[in-house]
Amino acid sequence: MPTLGGASAAPLRFLDFLIRDPLRTMLLHKSGVPVTVPDPSRFAVHKLIVASRRHTDGQSAVKRAKDIRQAALLFEAPANKASL
């Protein structure tokens, strides 16, 4: 990408799935900042898709385990909220 000083970029796979039906919410900073974010359930599924496509060697295995933990937390959050 010449306009960014020669920086390279890789496309995010399954981005169309991730950004479909986003949510409007507020970033908790001072009086609040409106932001648009992916639906948490879509984000969790996206994390599992990405994890399943990672290699199982070295650093990729660490990233894969992190993706799976994050997805699990995202799936658990609505259930925990409902029990409050």
Protein backbone atom coordinates (compact mmCIF):
# COMPACT_ATOMS: atom_id res chain seq x y z
CA MET A 1 0.00 0.00 0.00
CA PRO A 2 2.08 2.90 -1.26
CA THR A 3 -0.14 5.55 0.32
CA LEU A 4 0.66 4.07 3.73
CA GLY A 5 4.42 4.12 3.29
CA GLY A 6 4.60 0.65 1.78
CA ALA A 7 2.73 -1.10 4.62
CA SER A 8 1.26 -4.45 3.72
CA ALA A 9 -2.18 -5.69 4.67
CA ALA A 10 -3.97 -9.00 4.61
CA PRO A 11 -7.71 -9.24 3.92
CA LEU A 12 -9.88 -10.36 6.81
CA ARG A 13 -11.61 -13.57 5.87
CA PHE A 14 -15.36 -13.80 6.43
CA LEU A 15 -15.57 -10.04 7.02
CA ASP A 16 -18.94 -9.90 5.24
CA PHE A 17 -20.38 -12.29 7.86
CA LEU A 18 -18.84 -10.33 10.73
CA ILE A 19 -20.11 -6.89 9.75
CA ARG A 20 -23.68 -7.88 8.80
CA ASP A 21 -26.32 -6.44 11.16
CA PRO A 22 -24.01 -4.33 13.37
CA LEU A 23 -25.16 -2.80 16.65
CA ARG A 24 -25.13 0.85 17.70
CA THR A 25 -23.88 1.31 21.24
CA MET A 26 -21.96 3.76 23.42
CA LEU A 27 -18.29 3.69 24.32
CA LEU A 28 -18.06 4.45 28.02
CA HIS A 29 -15.85 7.53 27.98
CA LYS A 30 -16.85 10.82 29.61
CA SER A 31 -20.39 11.53 28.34
CA GLY A 32 -20.25 8.57 25.93
CA VAL A 33 -19.13 8.10 22.36
CA PRO A 34 -21.53 6.49 19.88
CA VAL A 35 -19.96 3.54 18.03
CA THR A 36 -21.05 0.75 15.70
CA VAL A 37 -19.80 -2.74 16.59
CA PRO A 38 -20.32 -6.28 15.27
CA ASP A 39 -23.10 -8.30 16.87
CA PRO A 40 -21.44 -10.22 19.76
CA SER A 41 -22.82 -13.59 18.63
CA ARG A 42 -21.50 -13.02 15.09
CA PHE A 43 -18.14 -11.98 16.55
CA ALA A 44 -18.01 -15.18 18.61
CA VAL A 45 -18.79 -17.35 15.58
CA HIS A 46 -16.19 -15.41 13.57
CA LYS A 47 -13.60 -16.14 16.30
CA LEU A 48 -14.39 -19.86 16.05
CA ILE A 49 -14.10 -19.81 12.26
CA VAL A 50 -10.74 -18.04 12.46
CA ALA A 51 -9.54 -20.43 15.19
CA SER A 52 -10.47 -23.46 13.11
CA ARG A 53 -8.38 -22.18 10.20
CA ARG A 54 -5.22 -21.50 12.25
CA HIS A 55 -2.30 -23.89 12.23
CA THR A 56 -1.62 -25.81 15.43
CA ASP A 57 2.10 -25.06 15.67
CA GLY A 58 3.86 -22.53 17.90
CA GLN A 59 2.39 -19.04 18.04
CA SER A 60 -0.62 -20.04 15.94
CA ALA A 61 -1.62 -22.58 18.60
CA VAL A 62 -1.52 -19.85 21.25
CA LYS A 63 -3.66 -17.56 19.08
CA ARG A 64 -6.07 -20.42 18.35
CA ALA A 65 -6.56 -21.13 22.06
CA LYS A 66 -7.09 -17.40 22.72
CA ASP A 67 -9.70 -17.18 19.92
CA ILE A 68 -11.60 -20.14 21.40
CA ARG A 69 -11.51 -18.68 24.95
CA GLN A 70 -12.76 -15.33 23.69
CA ALA A 71 -15.59 -16.98 21.73
CA ALA A 72 -16.62 -18.96 24.82
CA LEU A 73 -16.77 -15.78 26.90
CA LEU A 74 -18.88 -14.05 24.26
CA PHE A 75 -21.31 -16.99 24.16
CA GLU A 76 -21.53 -17.09 27.98
CA ALA A 77 -22.11 -13.35 28.48
CA PRO A 78 -25.81 -13.27 27.45
CA ALA A 79 -26.54 -16.30 29.67
CA ASN A 80 -24.83 -14.62 32.64
CA LYS A 81 -26.72 -11.39 32.02
CA ALA A 82 -30.04 -13.25 31.93
CA SER A 83 -29.37 -14.80 35.36
CA LEU A 84 -28.80 -11.43 37.06
